[in-house]
Amino acid sequence: MSRRVAVTGLGVISPLGSDVTSFWSRLIQGESGISRIEVFDPSSFATQIAGIVTDFHPEAYFEPKELRHMDRFVQFAVAAGKQALNHADLRITEQNAYRVGVSIGTGIGGIQTTLDNHKTMLEKGARRISPFLIPMMIANMGSAQLSIQLGAKGPNTTPVNACASGNNAIGEAFHLIRCGAADAMIAGGAESPINELSFGGFCNMKAMSTRNDEPQQASRPFDANRDGFVMSEGAGVLVLEEWEHAQARGATILAEIVGYGQSADAYHITAPDPEGTGNAWAMKEALRDAGVQPEEVDYINAHATGTPLGDGAEIKGIKRVFGQHAYKLKVSATKSATGHLFGAAGGLEAVITVKSLMDGMIPPTINYETPDPECDLDVVPNKAEASPIQVAISNGFGFGGHNAVLVFKKV
């Protein structure tokens, strides 16, 4: 049995806004959500900028007691999930609860909770470790808390595949509905990694941009002078629903998800396969799964983070898959505006891809100043473009060589 799957709801928590409308408006206008870090003193780090969520009001979603027992990444997951469910106008009842599931990916999980409790242990002793440490920091708590809050009793899962996690979460949810294991899934990614330890690790890897004097211009995928990614936080969540189920309840169908492909580079723990063979295979598998020919694709929301190696490898992969059609594609890198949300990136970028199909508007790759001969495709530089796109894909690649690709169609 193979069933069609609709997208019926969207939710966003991001440095560009904590609702879909404001987020999309600022993204299309070419704004940046990157600023100097103020949540801790970054002066000892080579990188001192990040994408911080500043307009999130957790009290609008949770009781004070609940908040004390939720890591920030869990708060993001639940809030974006509730937004998406409200947007879909889907009601979870005793009758349908076991047919509605949750799939929320994350790359790191509750790292801030871990750090806070480690500090408490060192300063006050082991007896002062919170009894809520474990159920606050484990990576599955985004999915778990969302299902508890909403009463969703169907399949519940948490892919942890670094920066591909959000795409994996949505892709697995799509396949669960398509094969008949669920009628609806709340799926996406959530991450809150901005702290001294994470920063120190990535700084010492020399993976992040050091354009500290111009934060909003720091993230520059595909640009010849790109010098690394910018760490960010937030969540992006979709409601996926079996097509006839959505139609029967009168839901507004926003787009159709039609394909999902995965692969592994099997190359290096952090560096991508420089020839793009692994990411190309994931794109090919996603198109095969969708029954879509390469020349039917109009837009790619690229994974492109702004690292010298990663962006070039992705372009090579696109050329492997699309051949000459690659030069007709629009290929924008929205991490130029949002920063890199790690395990939440795929969730946020799936929302962006769906909105692009809905509105016929492709968000730009901002901060694109100096063309890189290796990245010679149409990267929609600096200004959004109106385009009646029909088929779009969203790429997500992670440390360890994880590749995950989603395919969406306009309705």
Protein backbone atom coordinates (compact mmCIF):
# COMPACT_ATOMS: atom_id res chain seq x y z
CA MET A 1 0.00 0.00 0.00
CA SER A 2 1.34 3.42 -0.96
CA ARG A 3 -0.62 6.46 0.12
CA ARG A 4 -0.21 10.12 -0.82
CA VAL A 5 0.95 12.45 1.94
CA ALA A 6 -0.07 16.08 2.36
CA VAL A 7 1.51 18.89 4.36
CA THR A 8 -1.26 20.58 6.35
CA GLY A 9 0.52 22.58 9.06
CA LEU A 10 3.71 24.55 9.72
CA GLY A 11 5.41 25.83 12.88
CA VAL A 12 8.60 27.84 13.40
CA ILE A 13 10.82 29.07 16.22
CA SER A 14 13.84 30.89 14.77
CA PRO A 15 16.21 33.87 15.04
CA LEU A 16 14.10 35.54 12.32
CA GLY A 17 10.83 35.10 14.17
CA SER A 18 8.88 32.65 16.26
CA ASP A 19 5.87 32.25 14.03
CA VAL A 20 5.65 31.32 10.36
CA THR A 21 4.30 34.65 9.12
CA SER A 22 6.96 36.91 10.62
CA PHE A 23 9.73 34.42 9.87
CA TRP A 24 8.78 34.11 6.21
CA SER A 25 8.36 37.86 5.76
CA ARG A 26 11.81 38.64 7.13
CA LEU A 27 13.43 35.79 5.19
CA ILE A 28 11.95 36.97 1.88
CA GLN A 29 13.04 40.53 2.62
CA GLY A 30 16.63 39.32 2.89
CA GLU A 31 17.08 40.03 6.58
CA SER A 32 19.62 38.27 8.78
CA GLY A 33 19.00 36.76 12.22
CA ILE A 34 22.68 36.75 13.23
CA SER A 35 24.02 38.94 16.05
CA ARG A 36 26.75 39.09 18.70
CA ILE A 37 26.25 36.57 21.48
CA GLU A 38 24.89 37.98 24.72
CA VAL A 39 23.78 34.81 26.52
CA PHE A 40 27.40 34.34 27.65
CA ASP A 41 30.63 36.32 27.28
CA PRO A 42 32.10 35.23 23.92
CA SER A 43 35.22 37.39 24.09
CA SER A 44 37.58 34.44 24.61
CA PHE A 45 36.34 32.66 21.49
CA ALA A 46 37.44 33.10 17.88
CA THR A 47 33.76 33.23 16.93
CA GLN A 48 31.51 35.58 18.88
CA ILE A 49 28.28 35.58 16.84
CA ALA A 50 25.27 33.30 16.50
CA GLY A 51 21.61 33.10 15.53
CA ILE A 52 19.79 33.60 18.83
CA VAL A 53 16.02 33.23 19.27
CA THR A 54 15.03 36.47 20.99
CA ASP A 55 11.25 36.67 20.62
CA PHE A 56 10.27 33.28 22.04
CA HIS A 57 7.88 33.52 25.00
CA PRO A 58 7.66 30.07 26.56
CA GLU A 59 5.01 31.15 29.03
CA ALA A 60 2.61 31.33 26.09
CA TYR A 61 2.98 27.56 25.68
CA PHE A 62 3.79 26.16 29.13
CA GLU A 63 2.96 26.45 32.80
CA PRO A 64 5.89 27.64 35.00
CA LYS A 65 6.25 24.20 36.61
CA GLU A 66 6.52 22.56 33.19
CA LEU A 67 9.24 24.98 32.09
CA ARG A 68 11.45 24.09 35.03
CA HIS A 69 11.57 20.53 33.72
CA MET A 70 12.19 21.20 30.03
CA ASP A 71 15.45 21.94 28.27
CA ARG A 72 15.27 24.87 25.84
CA PHE A 73 15.43 22.57 22.80
CA VAL A 74 12.36 20.71 24.10
CA GLN A 75 10.52 23.99 24.58
CA PHE A 76 11.27 24.88 20.96
CA ALA A 77 10.10 21.46 19.72
CA VAL A 78 6.82 21.57 21.61
CA ALA A 79 6.08 25.19 20.74
CA ALA A 80 6.69 24.71 17.02
CA GLY A 81 4.71 21.46 17.11
CA LYS A 82 1.75 23.17 18.75
CA GLN A 83 1.92 25.94 16.15
CA ALA A 84 1.91 23.40 13.33
CA LEU A 85 -0.99 21.44 14.79
CA ASN A 86 -3.02 24.63 15.26
CA HIS A 87 -2.20 25.66 11.70
CA ALA A 88 -3.42 22.29 10.45
CA ASP A 89 -6.56 22.58 12.62
CA LEU A 90 -6.09 18.92 13.47
CA ARG A 91 -7.74 17.66 16.65
CA ILE A 92 -6.28 14.66 18.45
CA THR A 93 -9.01 12.64 20.16
CA GLU A 94 -9.37 9.28 21.87
CA GLN A 95 -10.60 7.95 18.55
CA ASN A 96 -7.57 8.96 16.45
CA ALA A 97 -4.76 9.24 19.02
CA TYR A 98 -3.02 6.01 18.02
CA ARG A 99 -3.03 7.11 14.37
CA VAL A 100 -1.21 10.40 15.05
CA GLY A 101 2.53 10.22 15.72
CA VAL A 102 5.55 12.45 16.38
CA SER A 103 9.02 12.52 14.84
CA ILE A 104 11.37 15.28 16.04
CA GLY A 105 15.06 15.13 15.19
CA THR A 106 17.90 16.77 17.06
CA GLY A 107 21.65 16.71 16.72
CA ILE A 108 22.68 17.46 20.31
CA GLY A 109 19.63 17.30 22.58
CA GLY A 110 19.62 18.84 26.05
CA ILE A 111 23.22 19.94 26.30
CA GLN A 112 22.49 23.04 28.39
CA THR A 113 20.74 20.94 31.03
CA THR A 114 23.76 18.62 31.11
CA LEU A 115 26.15 21.54 31.57
CA ASP A 116 24.03 23.15 34.28
CA ASN A 117 23.88 19.94 36.30
CA HIS A 118 27.57 19.23 35.85
CA LYS A 119 28.32 22.66 37.29
CA THR A 120 25.96 21.99 40.19
CA MET A 121 27.68 18.68 40.91
CA LEU A 122 31.13 20.27 40.97
CA GLU A 123 30.04 23.17 43.15
CA LYS A 124 27.52 21.54 45.49
CA GLY A 125 28.05 17.80 45.26
CA ALA A 126 26.42 14.86 43.56
CA ARG A 127 23.36 14.90 45.81
CA ARG A 128 22.32 18.22 44.27
CA ILE A 129 22.05 16.84 40.74
CA SER A 130 18.49 17.33 39.60
CA PRO A 131 16.32 14.21 39.53
CA PHE A 132 15.00 15.64 36.27
CA LEU A 133 18.45 15.69 34.63
CA ILE A 134 17.94 12.57 32.55
CA PRO A 135 14.37 13.23 31.33
CA MET A 136 15.42 16.79 30.48
CA MET A 137 18.61 16.11 28.54
CA ILE A 138 18.00 12.93 26.54
CA ALA A 139 17.51 13.59 22.85
CA ASN A 140 14.09 11.96 22.51
CA MET A 141 12.41 14.43 24.85
CA GLY A 142 11.35 16.76 22.03
CA SER A 143 9.26 13.96 20.56
CA ALA A 144 8.24 12.61 23.95
CA GLN A 145 7.05 15.89 25.42
CA LEU A 146 5.24 16.85 22.25
CA SER A 147 3.31 13.57 22.25
CA ILE A 148 2.53 13.94 25.97
CA GLN A 149 1.35 17.53 25.57
CA LEU A 150 -0.82 16.73 22.56
CA GLY A 151 -1.97 13.22 23.40
CA ALA A 152 -0.47 11.78 20.21
CA LYS A 153 -0.11 8.02 20.84
CA GLY A 154 1.02 6.83 17.41
CA PRO A 155 4.59 6.16 16.21
CA ASN A 156 7.09 8.26 18.14
CA THR A 157 10.71 8.56 17.10
CA THR A 158 13.81 10.78 17.30
CA PRO A 159 16.43 10.57 14.55
CA VAL A 160 19.84 11.77 15.77
CA ASN A 161 21.93 12.14 12.62
CA ALA A 162 23.72 15.43 13.26
CA CYS A 163 22.62 18.14 10.83
CA ALA A 164 20.56 15.70 8.73
CA SER A 165 18.31 14.89 11.71
CA GLY A 166 15.41 17.17 10.79
CA ASN A 167 15.22 15.82 7.25
CA ASN A 168 15.42 12.27 8.57
CA ALA A 169 12.59 12.96 11.01
CA ILE A 170 10.32 14.29 8.28
CA GLY A 171 11.29 11.59 5.80
CA GLU A 172 10.66 8.75 8.26
CA ALA A 173 7.31 10.29 9.20
CA PHE A 174 6.38 10.53 5.52
CA HIS A 175 7.16 6.86 4.98
CA LEU A 176 5.19 5.84 8.09
CA ILE A 177 2.09 7.52 6.70
CA ARG A 178 2.66 6.27 3.17
CA CYS A 179 2.89 2.64 4.32
CA GLY A 180 -0.19 2.90 6.52
CA ALA A 181 1.38 2.94 10.00
CA ALA A 182 -0.08 6.38 10.79
CA ASP A 183 -2.61 8.83 9.39
CA ALA A 184 -0.80 11.96 10.58
CA MET A 185 2.65 12.81 11.92
CA ILE A 186 4.01 15.93 13.58
CA ALA A 187 7.55 16.02 12.26
CA GLY A 188 10.62 18.26 12.17
CA GLY A 189 13.65 19.22 14.22
CA ALA A 190 14.65 21.25 17.28
CA GLU A 191 17.99 22.44 18.65
CA SER A 192 19.42 24.77 21.29
CA PRO A 193 23.21 24.36 21.18
CA ILE A 194 24.51 27.82 22.00
CA ASN A 195 26.74 27.57 25.07
CA GLU A 196 30.44 27.82 25.89
CA LEU A 197 31.16 24.11 25.45
CA SER A 198 29.57 23.74 22.03
CA PHE A 199 31.13 26.99 20.93
CA GLY A 200 34.55 25.99 22.15
CA GLY A 201 34.36 22.68 20.32
CA PHE A 202 33.35 24.19 17.00
CA CYS A 203 35.78 27.10 17.36
CA ASN A 204 38.66 24.72 17.92
CA MET A 205 37.58 22.79 14.83
CA LYS A 206 37.83 26.10 12.95
CA ALA A 207 34.44 25.35 11.44
CA MET A 208 32.68 28.65 12.16
CA SER A 209 32.88 32.09 10.64
CA THR A 210 35.00 34.65 12.47
CA ARG A 211 33.43 37.74 10.88
CA ASN A 212 32.59 39.05 14.33
CA ASP A 213 32.59 42.72 13.29
CA GLU A 214 29.80 42.18 10.77
CA PRO A 215 27.50 39.49 12.20
CA GLN A 216 24.72 39.91 9.67
CA GLN A 217 27.16 39.47 6.79
CA ALA A 218 29.02 36.51 8.31
CA SER A 219 27.03 33.60 6.91
CA ARG A 220 27.79 33.59 3.18
CA PRO A 221 27.19 30.22 1.51
CA PHE A 222 28.55 29.80 -2.01
CA ASP A 223 30.50 33.06 -1.78
CA ALA A 224 34.19 32.75 -2.68
CA ASN A 225 35.14 34.37 0.65
CA ARG A 226 33.01 32.14 2.89
CA ASP A 227 34.86 31.19 6.06
CA GLY A 228 32.55 28.84 7.96
CA PHE A 229 29.04 28.44 9.30
CA VAL A 230 27.24 30.44 11.99
CA MET A 231 25.70 28.45 14.85
CA SER A 232 21.99 28.96 15.41
CA GLU A 233 19.01 27.60 17.34
CA GLY A 234 15.29 27.04 16.93
CA ALA A 235 12.79 24.56 15.53
CA GLY A 236 10.80 23.82 12.39
CA VAL A 237 7.86 21.41 12.43
CA LEU A 238 5.35 20.19 9.84
CA VAL A 239 2.09 18.31 10.11
CA LEU A 240 2.06 15.52 7.53
CA GLU A 241 -1.21 13.80 6.80
CA GLU A 242 -2.54 11.05 4.59
CA TRP A 243 -4.13 12.78 1.60
CA GLU A 244 -7.66 11.41 1.84
CA HIS A 245 -7.65 11.82 5.62
CA ALA A 246 -6.84 15.50 5.15
CA GLN A 247 -9.46 15.94 2.45
CA ALA A 248 -12.14 14.17 4.47
CA ARG A 249 -11.83 16.64 7.34
CA GLY A 250 -11.65 19.66 5.04
CA ALA A 251 -8.02 20.51 5.77
CA THR A 252 -6.15 23.06 3.70
CA ILE A 253 -3.42 21.14 1.88
CA LEU A 254 -0.31 23.31 1.66
CA ALA A 255 1.91 21.02 -0.43
CA GLU A 256 2.54 17.34 -1.08
CA ILE A 257 5.61 15.48 0.16
CA VAL A 258 6.50 12.88 -2.45
CA GLY A 259 10.06 11.64 -1.88
CA TYR A 260 12.76 10.86 0.67
CA GLY A 261 16.27 9.59 0.08
CA GLN A 262 19.23 8.77 2.33
CA SER A 263 22.87 7.83 1.95
CA ALA A 264 26.21 7.86 3.75
CA ASP A 265 29.43 9.37 2.45
CA ALA A 266 31.44 6.71 4.36
CA TYR A 267 34.32 9.14 4.04
CA HIS A 268 35.20 11.18 7.17
CA ILE A 269 33.82 12.10 10.59
CA THR A 270 33.40 15.79 9.73
CA ALA A 271 34.45 16.48 6.13
CA PRO A 272 32.08 15.71 3.25
CA ASP A 273 33.08 13.55 0.33
CA PRO A 274 34.70 16.30 -1.77
CA GLU A 275 33.31 14.87 -5.01
CA GLY A 276 29.71 14.97 -3.76
CA THR A 277 29.03 11.33 -4.56
CA GLY A 278 27.23 10.62 -1.29
CA ASN A 279 24.90 13.61 -1.36
CA ALA A 280 24.23 12.93 -5.05
CA TRP A 281 23.07 9.41 -4.22
CA ALA A 282 20.63 10.74 -1.59
CA MET A 283 19.19 13.19 -4.13
CA LYS A 284 18.84 10.42 -6.72
CA GLU A 285 17.13 8.16 -4.19
CA ALA A 286 14.73 10.92 -3.16
CA LEU A 287 13.78 11.56 -6.80
CA ARG A 288 13.39 7.83 -7.44
CA ASP A 289 11.19 7.52 -4.35
CA ALA A 290 9.11 10.46 -5.61
CA GLY A 291 8.81 9.20 -9.18
CA VAL A 292 10.18 12.58 -10.29
CA GLN A 293 12.63 13.12 -13.14
CA PRO A 294 15.58 15.47 -12.49
CA GLU A 295 14.42 17.91 -15.16
CA GLU A 296 11.09 18.33 -13.31
CA VAL A 297 12.80 19.93 -10.29
CA ASP A 298 12.65 23.74 -10.18
CA TYR A 299 14.22 24.64 -6.84
CA ILE A 300 16.69 23.23 -4.33
CA ASN A 301 16.88 24.54 -0.80
CA ALA A 302 20.55 23.75 -0.36
CA HIS A 303 22.14 22.47 2.82
CA ALA A 304 24.98 24.95 2.12
CA THR A 305 26.32 26.15 5.47
CA GLY A 306 29.09 28.46 4.28
CA THR A 307 32.03 26.10 4.78
CA PRO A 308 34.62 26.02 1.99
CA LEU A 309 34.47 22.23 1.55
CA GLY A 310 30.79 21.61 2.17
CA ASP A 311 29.31 24.07 -0.30
CA GLY A 312 31.58 22.93 -3.10
CA ALA A 313 30.78 19.26 -2.49
CA GLU A 314 27.06 19.99 -2.59
CA ILE A 315 27.34 21.82 -5.91
CA LYS A 316 29.28 18.88 -7.34
CA GLY A 317 26.57 16.53 -6.15
CA ILE A 318 23.84 18.65 -7.74
CA LYS A 319 25.70 18.63 -11.05
CA ARG A 320 26.08 14.83 -10.83
CA VAL A 321 22.34 14.42 -10.46
CA PHE A 322 20.97 17.14 -12.71
CA GLY A 323 23.60 17.51 -15.42
CA GLN A 324 22.90 20.52 -17.63
CA HIS A 325 19.54 21.03 -15.90
CA ALA A 326 21.53 22.12 -12.83
CA TYR A 327 22.09 25.45 -14.58
CA LYS A 328 18.32 25.97 -14.92
CA LEU A 329 17.64 25.33 -11.24
CA LYS A 330 17.26 27.88 -8.49
CA VAL A 331 19.56 26.83 -5.63
CA SER A 332 19.30 29.09 -2.59
CA ALA A 333 21.04 28.78 0.77
CA THR A 334 18.78 30.12 3.50
CA LYS A 335 21.35 29.47 6.24
CA SER A 336 22.82 32.76 4.99
CA ALA A 337 19.93 34.40 6.88
CA THR A 338 19.08 31.94 9.64
CA GLY A 339 22.47 30.49 10.51
CA HIS A 340 22.86 26.75 10.95
CA LEU A 341 20.32 25.16 13.30
CA PHE A 342 22.07 21.76 13.29
CA GLY A 343 19.41 19.09 13.91
CA ALA A 344 16.63 21.66 13.47
CA ALA A 345 17.92 22.87 10.09
CA GLY A 346 16.00 20.28 8.09
CA GLY A 347 12.76 21.11 9.87
CA LEU A 348 13.10 24.84 9.31
CA GLU A 349 14.19 24.41 5.71
CA ALA A 350 11.28 22.05 4.97
CA VAL A 351 8.98 24.85 6.13
CA ILE A 352 10.84 27.23 3.81
CA THR A 353 10.55 24.82 0.88
CA VAL A 354 6.81 24.40 1.41
CA LYS A 355 6.30 28.16 1.67
CA SER A 356 8.32 28.65 -1.52
CA LEU A 357 5.95 26.29 -3.36
CA MET A 358 2.88 27.91 -1.83
CA ASP A 359 3.84 31.51 -2.57
CA GLY A 360 5.88 31.07 -5.76
CA MET A 361 8.69 32.95 -4.07
CA ILE A 362 12.26 31.75 -3.63
CA PRO A 363 14.18 33.20 -0.67
CA PRO A 364 17.63 34.56 -1.46
CA THR A 365 21.17 33.58 -0.64
CA ILE A 366 22.13 36.80 1.13
CA ASN A 367 25.70 38.06 1.58
CA TYR A 368 26.63 36.80 -1.87
CA GLU A 369 29.30 39.24 -3.07
CA THR A 370 32.16 37.36 -4.73
CA PRO A 371 31.26 34.49 -7.08
CA ASP A 372 33.09 31.22 -6.60
CA PRO A 373 33.86 29.57 -9.96
CA GLU A 374 33.22 26.19 -8.35
CA CYS A 375 29.73 27.28 -7.21
CA ASP A 376 28.52 28.53 -10.57
CA LEU A 377 24.79 27.73 -10.35
CA ASP A 378 21.93 30.23 -9.92
CA VAL A 379 22.07 30.74 -6.15
CA VAL A 380 19.37 33.45 -6.12
CA PRO A 381 21.82 36.09 -4.92
CA ASN A 382 20.73 38.68 -2.35
CA LYS A 383 17.11 39.22 -3.48
CA ALA A 384 14.13 36.89 -3.41
CA GLU A 385 12.74 35.85 -6.79
CA ALA A 386 9.17 35.21 -7.83
CA SER A 387 9.03 31.87 -9.63
CA PRO A 388 6.11 29.50 -10.31
CA ILE A 389 7.96 26.44 -9.03
CA GLN A 390 6.20 23.07 -9.06
CA VAL A 391 8.75 20.67 -7.57
CA ALA A 392 11.37 21.47 -4.92
CA ILE A 393 13.86 19.50 -2.88
CA SER A 394 15.47 20.21 0.48
CA ASN A 395 18.95 18.89 1.24
CA GLY A 396 20.25 18.00 4.68
CA PHE A 397 23.76 16.68 5.35
CA GLY A 398 25.45 15.94 8.67
CA PHE A 399 28.79 15.19 10.30
CA GLY A 400 29.69 11.55 9.90
CA GLY A 401 28.53 11.61 6.29
CA HIS A 402 24.76 11.47 6.83
CA ASN A 403 22.75 12.66 3.82
CA ALA A 404 18.96 13.08 3.76
CA VAL A 405 16.86 14.68 1.02
CA LEU A 406 13.15 15.53 0.80
CA VAL A 407 11.03 16.20 -2.29
CA PHE A 408 7.90 18.37 -2.23
CA LYS A 409 5.31 19.27 -4.89
CA LYS A 410 3.01 22.25 -5.29
CA VAL A 411 -0.73 21.61 -5.03
